[in-house]
Amino acid sequence: TWYYGAVGELAATLAAQDIAPTGP
């Protein structure tokens, strides 16, 4: 549960700030 929430929050934050991850 923690993992899914944390990854979702990270992905949303990066997307909102127009930052593309460089890996998985």
PDB file of all heavy atoms in Angstrom:
ATOM      1  N   THR A   1       0.840  -1.194   0.000  1.00  0.00           N
ATOM      2  CA  THR A   1       0.000   0.000   0.000  1.00  0.00           C
ATOM      3  C   THR A   1       0.877   1.246   0.000  1.00  0.00           C
ATOM      4  O   THR A   1       0.649   2.189  -0.764  1.00  0.00           O
ATOM      5  CB  THR A   1      -0.943   0.003   1.216  1.00  0.00           C
ATOM      6  OG1 THR A   1      -1.734  -1.182   1.172  1.00  0.00           O
ATOM      7  CG2 THR A   1      -1.827   1.224   1.225  1.00  0.00           C
ATOM      8  N   TRP A   2       1.896   1.256   0.851  1.00  0.00           N
ATOM      9  CA  TRP A   2       2.817   2.389   0.920  1.00  0.00           C
ATOM     10  C   TRP A   2       3.527   2.579  -0.422  1.00  0.00           C
ATOM     11  O   TRP A   2       3.632   3.696  -0.934  1.00  0.00           O
ATOM     12  CB  TRP A   2       3.841   2.166   2.034  1.00  0.00           C
ATOM     13  CG  TRP A   2       4.920   3.193   2.031  1.00  0.00           C
ATOM     14  CD1 TRP A   2       4.882   4.425   2.600  1.00  0.00           C
ATOM     15  CD2 TRP A   2       6.197   3.077   1.385  1.00  0.00           C
ATOM     16  NE1 TRP A   2       6.066   5.089   2.357  1.00  0.00           N
ATOM     17  CE2 TRP A   2       6.883   4.279   1.619  1.00  0.00           C
ATOM     18  CE3 TRP A   2       6.816   2.071   0.661  1.00  0.00           C
ATOM     19  CZ2 TRP A   2       8.172   4.508   1.129  1.00  0.00           C
ATOM     20  CZ3 TRP A   2       8.096   2.307   0.173  1.00  0.00           C
ATOM     21  CH2 TRP A   2       8.753   3.507   0.419  1.00  0.00           C
ATOM     22  N   TYR A   3       4.000   1.489  -1.004  1.00  0.00           N
ATOM     23  CA  TYR A   3       4.725   1.552  -2.271  1.00  0.00           C
ATOM     24  C   TYR A   3       3.876   2.186  -3.370  1.00  0.00           C
ATOM     25  O   TYR A   3       4.318   3.106  -4.061  1.00  0.00           O
ATOM     26  CB  TYR A   3       5.189   0.149  -2.691  1.00  0.00           C
ATOM     27  CG  TYR A   3       5.587   0.061  -4.140  1.00  0.00           C
ATOM     28  CD1 TYR A   3       6.816   0.535  -4.564  1.00  0.00           C
ATOM     29  CD2 TYR A   3       4.708  -0.468  -5.091  1.00  0.00           C
ATOM     30  CE1 TYR A   3       7.171   0.474  -5.910  1.00  0.00           C
ATOM     31  CE2 TYR A   3       5.061  -0.521  -6.422  1.00  0.00           C
ATOM     32  CZ  TYR A   3       6.281  -0.050  -6.830  1.00  0.00           C
ATOM     33  OH  TYR A   3       6.624  -0.091  -8.151  1.00  0.00           O
ATOM     34  N   TYR A   4       2.655   1.694  -3.551  1.00  0.00           N
ATOM     35  CA  TYR A   4       1.801   2.233  -4.614  1.00  0.00           C
ATOM     36  C   TYR A   4       1.524   3.716  -4.402  1.00  0.00           C
ATOM     37  O   TYR A   4       1.537   4.509  -5.341  1.00  0.00           O
ATOM     38  CB  TYR A   4       0.481   1.454  -4.707  1.00  0.00           C
ATOM     39  CG  TYR A   4       0.663   0.062  -5.274  1.00  0.00           C
ATOM     40  CD1 TYR A   4       0.221  -1.050  -4.588  1.00  0.00           C
ATOM     41  CD2 TYR A   4       1.293  -0.139  -6.495  1.00  0.00           C
ATOM     42  CE1 TYR A   4       0.386  -2.328  -5.108  1.00  0.00           C
ATOM     43  CE2 TYR A   4       1.468  -1.405  -7.014  1.00  0.00           C
ATOM     44  CZ  TYR A   4       1.012  -2.495  -6.316  1.00  0.00           C
ATOM     45  OH  TYR A   4       1.181  -3.744  -6.836  1.00  0.00           O
ATOM     46  N   GLY A   5       1.280   4.115  -3.169  1.00  0.00           N
ATOM     47  CA  GLY A   5       1.048   5.522  -2.873  1.00  0.00           C
ATOM     48  C   GLY A   5       2.270   6.379  -3.124  1.00  0.00           C
ATOM     49  O   GLY A   5       2.195   7.463  -3.715  1.00  0.00           O
ATOM     50  N   ALA A   6       3.433   5.889  -2.690  1.00  0.00           N
ATOM     51  CA  ALA A   6       4.667   6.659  -2.844  1.00  0.00           C
ATOM     52  C   ALA A   6       5.065   6.806  -4.310  1.00  0.00           C
ATOM     53  O   ALA A   6       5.424   7.902  -4.761  1.00  0.00           O
ATOM     54  CB  ALA A   6       5.796   5.996  -2.043  1.00  0.00           C
ATOM     55  N   VAL A   7       5.006   5.731  -5.072  1.00  0.00           N
ATOM     56  CA  VAL A   7       5.362   5.804  -6.493  1.00  0.00           C
ATOM     57  C   VAL A   7       4.382   6.707  -7.237  1.00  0.00           C
ATOM     58  O   VAL A   7       4.787   7.503  -8.094  1.00  0.00           O
ATOM     59  CB  VAL A   7       5.436   4.394  -7.121  1.00  0.00           C
ATOM     60  CG1 VAL A   7       5.514   4.466  -8.635  1.00  0.00           C
ATOM     61  CG2 VAL A   7       6.649   3.648  -6.580  1.00  0.00           C
ATOM     62  N   GLY A   8       3.095   6.607  -6.894  1.00  0.00           N
ATOM     63  CA  GLY A   8       2.103   7.483  -7.520  1.00  0.00           C
ATOM     64  C   GLY A   8       2.372   8.949  -7.225  1.00  0.00           C
ATOM     65  O   GLY A   8       2.292   9.806  -8.110  1.00  0.00           O
ATOM     66  N   GLU A   9       2.708   9.242  -5.975  1.00  0.00           N
ATOM     67  CA  GLU A   9       3.007  10.623  -5.585  1.00  0.00           C
ATOM     68  C   GLU A   9       4.267  11.134  -6.293  1.00  0.00           C
ATOM     69  O   GLU A   9       4.304  12.266  -6.774  1.00  0.00           O
ATOM     70  CB  GLU A   9       3.178  10.703  -4.067  1.00  0.00           C
ATOM     71  CG  GLU A   9       3.322  12.105  -3.543  1.00  0.00           C
ATOM     72  CD  GLU A   9       3.335  12.171  -2.023  1.00  0.00           C
ATOM     73  OE1 GLU A   9       3.034  11.159  -1.352  1.00  0.00           O
ATOM     74  OE2 GLU A   9       3.664  13.247  -1.505  1.00  0.00           O
ATOM     75  N   LEU A  10       5.280  10.292  -6.368  1.00  0.00           N
ATOM     76  CA  LEU A  10       6.505  10.681  -7.082  1.00  0.00           C
ATOM     77  C   LEU A  10       6.232  10.950  -8.558  1.00  0.00           C
ATOM     78  O   LEU A  10       6.653  11.979  -9.101  1.00  0.00           O
ATOM     79  CB  LEU A  10       7.556   9.572  -6.977  1.00  0.00           C
ATOM     80  CG  LEU A  10       8.325   9.459  -5.685  1.00  0.00           C
ATOM     81  CD1 LEU A  10       9.125   8.157  -5.671  1.00  0.00           C
ATOM     82  CD2 LEU A  10       9.246  10.645  -5.512  1.00  0.00           C
ATOM     83  N   ALA A  11       5.530  10.035  -9.209  1.00  0.00           N
ATOM     84  CA  ALA A  11       5.246  10.183 -10.639  1.00  0.00           C
ATOM     85  C   ALA A  11       4.426  11.441 -10.903  1.00  0.00           C
ATOM     86  O   ALA A  11       4.707  12.189 -11.849  1.00  0.00           O
ATOM     87  CB  ALA A  11       4.524   8.941 -11.162  1.00  0.00           C
ATOM     88  N   ALA A  12       3.430  11.698 -10.066  1.00  0.00           N
ATOM     89  CA  ALA A  12       2.592  12.884 -10.249  1.00  0.00           C
ATOM     90  C   ALA A  12       3.393  14.165 -10.034  1.00  0.00           C
ATOM     91  O   ALA A  12       3.236  15.143 -10.786  1.00  0.00           O
ATOM     92  CB  ALA A  12       1.401  12.830  -9.295  1.00  0.00           C
ATOM     93  N   THR A  13       4.258  14.174  -9.043  1.00  0.00           N
ATOM     94  CA  THR A  13       5.081  15.356  -8.766  1.00  0.00           C
ATOM     95  C   THR A  13       6.025  15.636  -9.926  1.00  0.00           C
ATOM     96  O   THR A  13       6.158  16.780 -10.376  1.00  0.00           O
ATOM     97  CB  THR A  13       5.870  15.178  -7.455  1.00  0.00           C
ATOM     98  OG1 THR A  13       4.938  15.007  -6.386  1.00  0.00           O
ATOM     99  CG2 THR A  13       6.757  16.375  -7.171  1.00  0.00           C
ATOM    100  N   LEU A  14       6.676  14.592 -10.429  1.00  0.00           N
ATOM    101  CA  LEU A  14       7.590  14.785 -11.554  1.00  0.00           C
ATOM    102  C   LEU A  14       6.843  15.253 -12.794  1.00  0.00           C
ATOM    103  O   LEU A  14       7.292  16.171 -13.496  1.00  0.00           O
ATOM    104  CB  LEU A  14       8.360  13.493 -11.840  1.00  0.00           C
ATOM    105  CG  LEU A  14       9.328  13.043 -10.751  1.00  0.00           C
ATOM    106  CD1 LEU A  14       9.955  11.695 -11.117  1.00  0.00           C
ATOM    107  CD2 LEU A  14      10.399  14.086 -10.494  1.00  0.00           C
ATOM    108  N   ALA A  15       5.693  14.652 -13.079  1.00  0.00           N
ATOM    109  CA  ALA A  15       4.905  15.051 -14.246  1.00  0.00           C
ATOM    110  C   ALA A  15       4.445  16.502 -14.131  1.00  0.00           C
ATOM    111  O   ALA A  15       4.520  17.269 -15.098  1.00  0.00           O
ATOM    112  CB  ALA A  15       3.702  14.122 -14.415  1.00  0.00           C
ATOM    113  N   ALA A  16       3.997  16.910 -12.954  1.00  0.00           N
ATOM    114  CA  ALA A  16       3.523  18.279 -12.757  1.00  0.00           C
ATOM    115  C   ALA A  16       4.652  19.288 -12.929  1.00  0.00           C
ATOM    116  O   ALA A  16       4.409  20.445 -13.293  1.00  0.00           O
ATOM    117  CB  ALA A  16       2.901  18.424 -11.365  1.00  0.00           C
ATOM    118  N   GLN A  17       5.890  18.863 -12.669  1.00  0.00           N
ATOM    119  CA  GLN A  17       7.031  19.763 -12.798  1.00  0.00           C
ATOM    120  C   GLN A  17       7.799  19.533 -14.104  1.00  0.00           C
ATOM    121  O   GLN A  17       8.886  20.058 -14.297  1.00  0.00           O
ATOM    122  CB  GLN A  17       7.954  19.606 -11.576  1.00  0.00           C
ATOM    123  CG  GLN A  17       7.271  20.024 -10.284  1.00  0.00           C
ATOM    124  CD  GLN A  17       8.168  19.900  -9.072  1.00  0.00           C
ATOM    125  OE1 GLN A  17       9.387  20.020  -9.165  1.00  0.00           O
ATOM    126  NE2 GLN A  17       7.565  19.663  -7.917  1.00  0.00           N
ATOM    127  N   ASP A  18       7.200  18.757 -15.003  1.00  0.00           N
ATOM    128  CA  ASP A  18       7.766  18.482 -16.327  1.00  0.00           C
ATOM    129  C   ASP A  18       9.190  17.913 -16.233  1.00  0.00           C
ATOM    130  O   ASP A  18      10.089  18.324 -16.965  1.00  0.00           O
ATOM    131  CB  ASP A  18       7.737  19.740 -17.197  1.00  0.00           C
ATOM    132  CG  ASP A  18       7.830  19.413 -18.674  1.00  0.00           C
ATOM    133  OD1 ASP A  18       7.445  18.292 -19.056  1.00  0.00           O
ATOM    134  OD2 ASP A  18       8.318  20.265 -19.435  1.00  0.00           O
ATOM    135  N   ILE A  19       9.369  16.961 -15.319  1.00  0.00           N
ATOM    136  CA  ILE A  19      10.652  16.287 -15.143  1.00  0.00           C
ATOM    137  C   ILE A  19      10.471  14.831 -15.580  1.00  0.00           C
ATOM    138  O   ILE A  19       9.624  14.125 -15.044  1.00  0.00           O
ATOM    139  CB  ILE A  19      11.137  16.342 -13.683  1.00  0.00           C
ATOM    140  CG1 ILE A  19      11.377  17.793 -13.257  1.00  0.00           C
ATOM    141  CG2 ILE A  19      12.406  15.510 -13.508  1.00  0.00           C
ATOM    142  CD1 ILE A  19      11.703  17.959 -11.789  1.00  0.00           C
ATOM    143  N   ALA A  20      11.276  14.421 -16.548  1.00  0.00           N
ATOM    144  CA  ALA A  20      11.196  13.044 -17.043  1.00  0.00           C
ATOM    145  C   ALA A  20      12.205  12.172 -16.299  1.00  0.00           C
ATOM    146  O   ALA A  20      13.393  12.508 -16.245  1.00  0.00           O
ATOM    147  CB  ALA A  20      11.488  12.998 -18.533  1.00  0.00           C
ATOM    148  N   PRO A  21      11.762  11.061 -15.718  1.00  0.00           N
ATOM    149  CA  PRO A  21      12.711  10.133 -15.099  1.00  0.00           C
ATOM    150  C   PRO A  21      13.692   9.606 -16.146  1.00  0.00           C
ATOM    151  O   PRO A  21      13.346   9.469 -17.319  1.00  0.00           O
ATOM    152  CB  PRO A  21      11.830   9.001 -14.568  1.00  0.00           C
ATOM    153  CG  PRO A  21      10.467   9.590 -14.475  1.00  0.00           C
ATOM    154  CD  PRO A  21      10.379  10.608 -15.571  1.00  0.00           C
ATOM    155  N   THR A  22      14.897   9.307 -15.726  1.00  0.00           N
ATOM    156  CA  THR A  22      15.914   8.767 -16.631  1.00  0.00           C
ATOM    157  C   THR A  22      15.982   7.239 -16.571  1.00  0.00           C
ATOM    158  O   THR A  22      16.833   6.645 -17.224  1.00  0.00           O
ATOM    159  CB  THR A  22      17.298   9.360 -16.307  1.00  0.00           C
ATOM    160  OG1 THR A  22      17.616   9.056 -14.949  1.00  0.00           O
ATOM    161  CG2 THR A  22      17.315  10.860 -16.536  1.00  0.00           C
ATOM    162  N   GLY A  23      15.106   6.637 -15.794  1.00  0.00           N
ATOM    163  CA  GLY A  23      15.076   5.185 -15.664  1.00  0.00           C
ATOM    164  C   GLY A  23      13.861   4.768 -14.872  1.00  0.00           C
ATOM    165  O   GLY A  23      13.042   5.605 -14.476  1.00  0.00           O
ATOM    166  N   PRO A  24      13.729   3.465 -14.616  1.00  0.00           N
ATOM    167  CA  PRO A  24      12.562   2.975 -13.886  1.00  0.00           C
ATOM    168  C   PRO A  24      12.628   3.343 -12.404  1.00  0.00           C
ATOM    169  O   PRO A  24      13.699   3.659 -11.871  1.00  0.00           O
ATOM    170  CB  PRO A  24      12.642   1.458 -14.065  1.00  0.00           C
ATOM    171  CG  PRO A  24      14.101   1.187 -14.242  1.00  0.00           C
ATOM    172  CD  PRO A  24      14.647   2.385 -14.996  1.00  0.00           C
TER     173      PRO A  24
END
